[in-house]
Amino acid sequence: SYFEATTALAFDFFRRKRIDIAVVEVGMGGRLDSTNVIKPLATCITTIGFDHEQYLGKTLAKIAGEKAGIIKPRTPVVCGVMPAAAHRTISEVARRKQAPIFETGKHATVKPLEIGRSGSVFEYRGLGPKRVLRTSLLGSHQIANAALAVLTVEVLSRGGLKISDRAIELGLASARWPGRLEIVGRQPHILLDGAHNVSGVSSLARSLGELDITKPLTVFGVLRDKNCKQMLAVLSRKSGRLVFTSPGYHRALPLSELRKTGKALGLSARGFSTVAGALEHALKQVRRDETVLVCGSLYVIGEAMQFLGYRPQAVRLC
């Protein structure tokens, strides 16, 4: 597949460049993923939610079983907070493989001090001394992700990989993640978020309140294998006007079906066959002090970036 080919290309590139450390993200699931051929220093599982159910299973326990496929014998696994059913599955796999397990909420705790449009400041207490850290990534969920990253570094440090406190501070403060709750325009504000499943949209809805963004005009497009109805139900409660679109990708949900789903929920929305057309319309409809939110699929975000002339690949990310 395309993903398997690009994974092989990446690994070969890493080898030729003689990199020190690679952070390798699974494409889907874990157990059968092409990334899972490596022998890692540690494995990480952030949390478990519903996505790709037709491939990974219809229950959180089954999905967790696929995710737990990355756990290696006697290799530390670091986990975020997750539902009880998923936690039981992952804990059992870790026990069978004699993999020591470290968890945020148990081995590390965070206390948010400040959450805003320029990032978050939080107090972290893990395996080392208490510290105050800042992340430039927006939303309280990124505090949880940052805690998982720092706990992982602490676990690796115990195994001999030394990463300085200063490196941790700089890494969190300078990291960027294009298209993930990213403000790319002002007057009007343009907010891009790649939320593409129910849990992602739920995090987005919560983050809008944290960023003091009320009733944004929302441009929404989605792939056909997602729970579009539930995503729209969550999103519509936080949005003002809705604009539907469909990215130019063979897995995209057709605009006609998206409109039908919206109508079933009692939502009225303009529809545009291209993301560029939807964004052009949206930007004409808002005042300078309002917000245009683009979400639902990373493919939508990619086309929005192209329309806006935003090229994140031309900027060093960290």
Protein backbone atom coordinates (compact mmCIF):
# COMPACT_ATOMS: atom_id res chain seq x y z
CA SER A 1 0.00 0.00 0.00
CA TYR A 2 0.95 3.67 -0.20
CA PHE A 3 1.46 3.79 3.57
CA GLU A 4 3.67 0.68 3.58
CA ALA A 5 5.79 2.05 0.72
CA THR A 6 6.29 5.41 2.45
CA THR A 7 7.10 3.66 5.74
CA ALA A 8 9.85 1.71 3.98
CA LEU A 9 11.14 4.92 2.38
CA ALA A 10 11.20 6.65 5.78
CA PHE A 11 13.09 3.82 7.46
CA ASP A 12 15.64 3.75 4.64
CA PHE A 13 16.05 7.53 4.88
CA PHE A 14 16.58 7.29 8.66
CA ARG A 15 19.23 4.59 8.10
CA ARG A 16 21.12 6.61 5.50
CA LYS A 17 21.04 9.76 7.65
CA ARG A 18 22.24 7.76 10.68
CA ILE A 19 19.65 9.35 12.95
CA ASP A 20 19.94 9.07 16.72
CA ILE A 21 16.26 8.70 17.60
CA ALA A 22 13.09 8.11 15.56
CA VAL A 23 9.60 8.69 16.92
CA VAL A 24 7.47 6.36 14.79
CA GLU A 25 3.70 6.74 14.76
CA VAL A 26 1.49 3.81 13.84
CA GLY A 27 -0.67 4.31 10.77
CA MET A 28 -3.72 2.39 11.96
CA GLY A 29 -4.14 -0.03 14.83
CA GLY A 30 -0.70 -1.36 15.62
CA ARG A 31 -0.56 -5.15 15.62
CA LEU A 32 -0.54 -5.51 11.82
CA ASP A 33 0.79 -2.06 10.98
CA SER A 34 3.85 -1.79 8.74
CA THR A 35 5.59 0.40 11.34
CA ASN A 36 5.48 -2.49 13.82
CA VAL A 37 8.61 -4.21 12.44
CA ILE A 38 10.89 -2.09 14.65
CA LYS A 39 12.43 -2.99 17.99
CA PRO A 40 11.78 0.15 20.02
CA LEU A 41 13.30 1.49 23.24
CA ALA A 42 9.76 2.12 24.48
CA THR A 43 6.20 2.05 23.20
CA CYS A 44 3.49 4.64 23.84
CA ILE A 45 -0.30 4.46 23.67
CA THR A 46 -1.95 7.84 24.20
CA THR A 47 -5.57 6.84 24.65
CA ILE A 48 -8.20 4.61 23.03
CA GLY A 49 -11.30 5.80 21.20
CA PHE A 50 -13.57 4.59 18.41
CA ASP A 51 -12.08 4.85 14.92
CA HIS A 52 -11.57 2.48 11.96
CA GLU A 53 -13.99 0.06 13.64
CA GLN A 54 -14.43 -1.96 10.45
CA TYR A 55 -10.75 -2.91 10.70
CA LEU A 56 -9.94 -2.75 14.41
CA GLY A 57 -13.14 -4.02 16.04
CA LYS A 58 -16.46 -2.71 17.34
CA THR A 59 -15.53 -2.52 21.03
CA LEU A 60 -12.89 -0.54 22.91
CA ALA A 61 -11.41 -3.80 24.21
CA LYS A 62 -10.90 -5.12 20.66
CA ILE A 63 -9.47 -1.82 19.44
CA ALA A 64 -7.14 -1.78 22.46
CA GLY A 65 -6.03 -5.31 21.57
CA GLU A 66 -4.92 -4.09 18.14
CA LYS A 67 -3.17 -1.06 19.66
CA ALA A 68 -1.46 -3.28 22.25
CA GLY A 69 0.15 -5.18 19.38
CA ILE A 70 3.02 -2.66 19.50
CA ILE A 71 3.98 -3.70 23.05
CA LYS A 72 7.25 -5.65 22.96
CA PRO A 73 8.60 -8.20 25.48
CA ARG A 74 10.30 -6.56 28.49
CA THR A 75 10.10 -3.15 26.79
CA PRO A 76 8.54 -0.26 28.73
CA VAL A 77 5.08 0.88 27.63
CA VAL A 78 3.85 4.36 28.53
CA CYS A 79 0.09 4.97 28.50
CA GLY A 80 -2.24 7.91 28.80
CA VAL A 81 -5.57 7.92 30.62
CA MET A 82 -8.06 5.65 28.85
CA PRO A 83 -11.42 3.90 29.36
CA ALA A 84 -11.46 0.97 31.78
CA ALA A 85 -12.11 -1.72 29.14
CA ALA A 86 -9.14 -0.56 27.07
CA HIS A 87 -6.94 -0.27 30.15
CA ARG A 88 -7.68 -3.86 31.18
CA THR A 89 -6.70 -5.18 27.73
CA ILE A 90 -3.46 -3.22 27.54
CA SER A 91 -2.49 -4.10 31.10
CA GLU A 92 -3.03 -7.79 30.39
CA VAL A 93 -0.90 -7.72 27.23
CA ALA A 94 1.85 -5.84 29.10
CA ARG A 95 1.71 -8.44 31.91
CA ARG A 96 1.97 -11.35 29.45
CA LYS A 97 4.95 -9.75 27.71
CA GLN A 98 6.59 -8.75 30.99
CA ALA A 99 6.62 -5.16 29.77
CA PRO A 100 6.79 -2.61 32.62
CA ILE A 101 3.88 -0.19 32.30
CA PHE A 102 3.92 3.51 33.20
CA GLU A 103 0.77 5.61 33.18
CA THR A 104 -0.05 9.30 33.28
CA GLY A 105 -2.48 9.82 36.13
CA LYS A 106 -0.59 7.21 38.15
CA HIS A 107 3.13 7.76 37.58
CA ALA A 108 2.74 11.36 36.43
CA THR A 109 0.23 14.09 37.20
CA VAL A 110 -0.42 17.51 35.67
CA LYS A 111 -2.04 20.68 36.93
CA PRO A 112 -3.02 23.18 34.22
CA LEU A 113 -1.97 26.71 35.13
CA GLU A 114 -2.87 28.56 31.92
CA ILE A 115 -4.67 27.56 28.72
CA GLY A 116 -5.01 30.03 25.87
CA ARG A 117 -4.44 30.90 22.22
CA SER A 118 -0.66 31.02 22.62
CA GLY A 119 -0.42 27.59 24.25
CA SER A 120 -0.60 26.17 27.77
CA VAL A 121 1.42 26.29 30.97
CA PHE A 122 1.16 23.39 33.41
CA GLU A 123 2.76 21.90 36.49
CA TYR A 124 4.16 18.41 35.95
CA ARG A 125 5.11 15.88 38.61
CA GLY A 126 6.45 12.55 37.33
CA LEU A 127 9.40 10.29 38.05
CA GLY A 128 11.66 13.26 38.77
CA PRO A 129 11.24 16.62 40.49
CA LYS A 130 8.16 18.80 40.05
CA ARG A 131 8.50 21.29 37.20
CA VAL A 132 6.48 23.95 35.36
CA LEU A 133 6.38 23.47 31.60
CA ARG A 134 4.87 25.25 28.60
CA THR A 135 3.59 23.78 25.35
CA SER A 136 2.89 25.86 22.28
CA LEU A 137 0.27 23.36 21.08
CA LEU A 138 -3.28 24.50 21.78
CA GLY A 139 -5.92 22.76 23.92
CA SER A 140 -5.98 20.95 27.26
CA HIS A 141 -5.62 17.59 25.47
CA GLN A 142 -2.13 18.70 24.44
CA ILE A 143 -1.22 19.06 28.12
CA ALA A 144 -2.08 15.36 28.49
CA ASN A 145 -0.02 14.54 25.39
CA ALA A 146 2.90 16.60 26.68
CA ALA A 147 2.76 14.76 30.02
CA LEU A 148 2.92 11.44 28.18
CA ALA A 149 5.95 12.66 26.22
CA VAL A 150 7.78 13.84 29.35
CA LEU A 151 7.00 10.61 31.21
CA THR A 152 8.37 8.66 28.23
CA VAL A 153 11.59 10.69 28.35
CA GLU A 154 11.88 10.00 32.08
CA VAL A 155 11.41 6.27 31.48
CA LEU A 156 14.02 6.30 28.70
CA SER A 157 16.42 8.24 30.94
CA ARG A 158 16.21 5.45 33.48
CA GLY A 159 17.28 3.12 30.68
CA GLY A 160 20.34 5.18 29.88
CA LEU A 161 19.12 7.61 27.20
CA LYS A 162 19.95 11.00 28.68
CA ILE A 163 17.78 13.93 27.60
CA SER A 164 18.32 17.17 29.50
CA ASP A 165 15.63 19.16 31.28
CA ARG A 166 16.45 22.08 28.99
CA ALA A 167 15.82 19.91 25.91
CA ILE A 168 12.43 18.91 27.32
CA GLU A 169 11.50 22.53 27.96
CA LEU A 170 12.62 23.71 24.52
CA GLY A 171 11.01 20.78 22.75
CA LEU A 172 7.59 21.36 24.29
CA ALA A 173 7.75 25.14 23.88
CA SER A 174 8.83 25.12 20.23
CA ALA A 175 6.91 22.13 18.85
CA ARG A 176 4.33 22.84 16.15
CA TRP A 177 1.73 20.52 14.65
CA PRO A 178 0.30 21.93 11.41
CA GLY A 179 -3.44 21.47 11.01
CA ARG A 180 -4.03 20.40 14.60
CA LEU A 181 -5.94 23.17 16.38
CA GLU A 182 -3.78 25.69 14.54
CA ILE A 183 -4.62 29.36 14.08
CA VAL A 184 -3.39 30.32 10.60
CA GLY A 185 -5.16 33.63 10.06
CA ARG A 186 -6.40 36.65 11.99
CA GLN A 187 -9.13 39.17 11.18
CA PRO A 188 -10.92 36.92 10.65
CA HIS A 189 -9.39 34.11 12.70
CA ILE A 190 -8.95 30.92 10.66
CA LEU A 191 -8.66 27.80 12.80
CA LEU A 192 -7.63 24.48 11.24
CA ASP A 193 -8.17 21.23 13.10
CA GLY A 194 -7.73 17.74 11.67
CA ALA A 195 -10.36 16.24 14.02
CA HIS A 196 -11.64 13.31 11.97
CA ASN A 197 -13.51 11.08 14.42
CA VAL A 198 -15.95 11.49 17.30
CA SER A 199 -13.32 11.71 20.03
CA GLY A 200 -11.33 14.24 18.00
CA VAL A 201 -14.38 16.41 17.39
CA SER A 202 -15.26 16.19 21.10
CA SER A 203 -11.77 17.47 21.99
CA LEU A 204 -12.20 20.24 19.43
CA ALA A 205 -15.55 21.28 20.90
CA ARG A 206 -14.01 21.49 24.39
CA SER A 207 -11.02 23.41 23.05
CA LEU A 208 -13.21 26.06 21.45
CA GLY A 209 -14.40 27.03 24.93
CA GLU A 210 -10.83 27.05 26.26
CA LEU A 211 -9.77 29.38 23.43
CA ASP A 212 -12.81 31.63 23.95
CA ILE A 213 -14.10 30.97 20.43
CA THR A 214 -17.89 31.04 20.23
CA LYS A 215 -20.07 29.96 17.34
CA PRO A 216 -17.48 29.84 14.55
CA LEU A 217 -18.56 29.49 10.94
CA THR A 218 -17.57 25.87 10.36
CA VAL A 219 -16.39 24.35 7.07
CA PHE A 220 -16.83 20.59 7.40
CA GLY A 221 -15.94 17.66 5.16
CA VAL A 222 -15.36 14.04 6.12
CA LEU A 223 -14.38 10.62 4.81
CA ARG A 224 -17.14 8.08 4.26
CA ASP A 225 -15.85 5.53 6.81
CA LYS A 226 -16.32 7.95 9.72
CA ASN A 227 -19.31 8.37 12.07
CA CYS A 228 -20.39 11.55 10.33
CA LYS A 229 -23.75 11.81 12.10
CA GLN A 230 -22.30 11.71 15.59
CA MET A 231 -19.46 14.05 14.62
CA LEU A 232 -21.95 16.61 13.29
CA ALA A 233 -24.15 16.27 16.37
CA VAL A 234 -21.20 17.21 18.59
CA LEU A 235 -19.90 19.94 16.31
CA SER A 236 -23.22 21.64 15.61
CA ARG A 237 -23.71 22.45 19.30
CA LYS A 238 -20.60 24.65 19.23
CA SER A 239 -20.83 26.04 15.72
CA GLY A 240 -22.70 28.94 14.22
CA ARG A 241 -23.28 28.58 10.49
CA LEU A 242 -22.21 25.37 8.76
CA VAL A 243 -20.70 24.97 5.30
CA PHE A 244 -20.41 21.44 3.90
CA THR A 245 -17.79 20.29 1.42
CA SER A 246 -16.00 17.19 0.16
CA PRO A 247 -12.24 16.80 -0.32
CA GLY A 248 -10.90 15.55 -3.63
CA TYR A 249 -10.13 12.05 -2.39
CA HIS A 250 -11.68 8.73 -3.36
CA ARG A 251 -12.67 7.90 0.25
CA ALA A 252 -14.46 11.22 0.79
CA LEU A 253 -18.13 11.25 1.78
CA PRO A 254 -20.00 12.74 -1.21
CA LEU A 255 -21.49 16.16 -0.61
CA SER A 256 -25.02 14.85 -1.30
CA GLU A 257 -24.71 12.27 1.51
CA LEU A 258 -23.23 14.81 3.90
CA ARG A 259 -26.16 17.15 3.24
CA LYS A 260 -28.59 14.27 3.80
CA THR A 261 -26.99 13.50 7.17
CA GLY A 262 -27.12 17.16 8.15
CA LYS A 263 -30.78 17.39 7.15
CA ALA A 264 -31.62 14.34 9.29
CA LEU A 265 -30.12 16.21 12.27
CA GLY A 266 -32.17 19.31 11.46
CA LEU A 267 -29.12 21.26 10.29
CA SER A 268 -29.20 23.71 7.41
CA ALA A 269 -25.93 24.31 5.58
CA ARG A 270 -24.62 25.61 2.30
CA GLY A 271 -22.72 23.02 0.29
CA PHE A 272 -19.73 23.39 -2.03
CA SER A 273 -18.16 20.65 -4.12
CA THR A 274 -14.61 21.86 -3.39
CA VAL A 275 -12.86 22.90 -0.20
CA ALA A 276 -11.58 26.03 -1.97
CA GLY A 277 -15.13 27.01 -2.90
CA ALA A 278 -16.38 26.40 0.65
CA LEU A 279 -13.57 28.48 2.17
CA GLU A 280 -13.98 31.29 -0.32
CA HIS A 281 -17.68 31.48 0.59
CA ALA A 282 -16.96 31.26 4.33
CA LEU A 283 -14.44 34.10 4.29
CA LYS A 284 -16.98 36.35 2.56
CA GLN A 285 -19.60 35.61 5.22
CA VAL A 286 -17.70 36.43 8.43
CA ARG A 287 -16.76 39.70 10.09
CA ARG A 288 -13.14 40.52 10.91
CA ASP A 289 -13.70 39.67 14.58
CA GLU A 290 -15.26 36.24 13.86
CA THR A 291 -13.71 32.79 13.32
CA VAL A 292 -13.77 30.35 10.43
CA LEU A 293 -13.19 26.78 11.64
CA VAL A 294 -12.14 24.10 9.13
CA CYS A 295 -12.34 20.48 10.33
CA GLY A 296 -13.53 16.92 9.72
CA SER A 297 -10.64 15.43 7.77
CA LEU A 298 -6.92 15.94 7.29
CA TYR A 299 -7.62 15.85 3.55
CA VAL A 300 -9.89 18.87 3.99
CA ILE A 301 -7.15 20.59 6.02
CA GLY A 302 -4.57 19.90 3.31
CA GLU A 303 -6.75 21.48 0.62
CA ALA A 304 -7.53 24.42 2.91
CA MET A 305 -3.80 25.02 3.41
CA GLN A 306 -3.30 24.97 -0.35
CA PHE A 307 -6.12 27.50 -0.87
CA LEU A 308 -4.71 29.77 1.84
CA GLY A 309 -1.18 29.55 0.46
CA TYR A 310 0.05 28.07 3.74
CA ARG A 311 3.05 25.75 3.30
CA PRO A 312 3.97 24.31 6.73
CA GLN A 313 6.50 21.97 5.12
CA ALA A 314 8.60 25.06 4.31
CA VAL A 315 8.97 25.89 8.02
CA ARG A 316 11.09 24.03 10.57
CA LEU A 317 8.60 22.47 12.98
CA CYS A 318 10.75 22.15 16.08
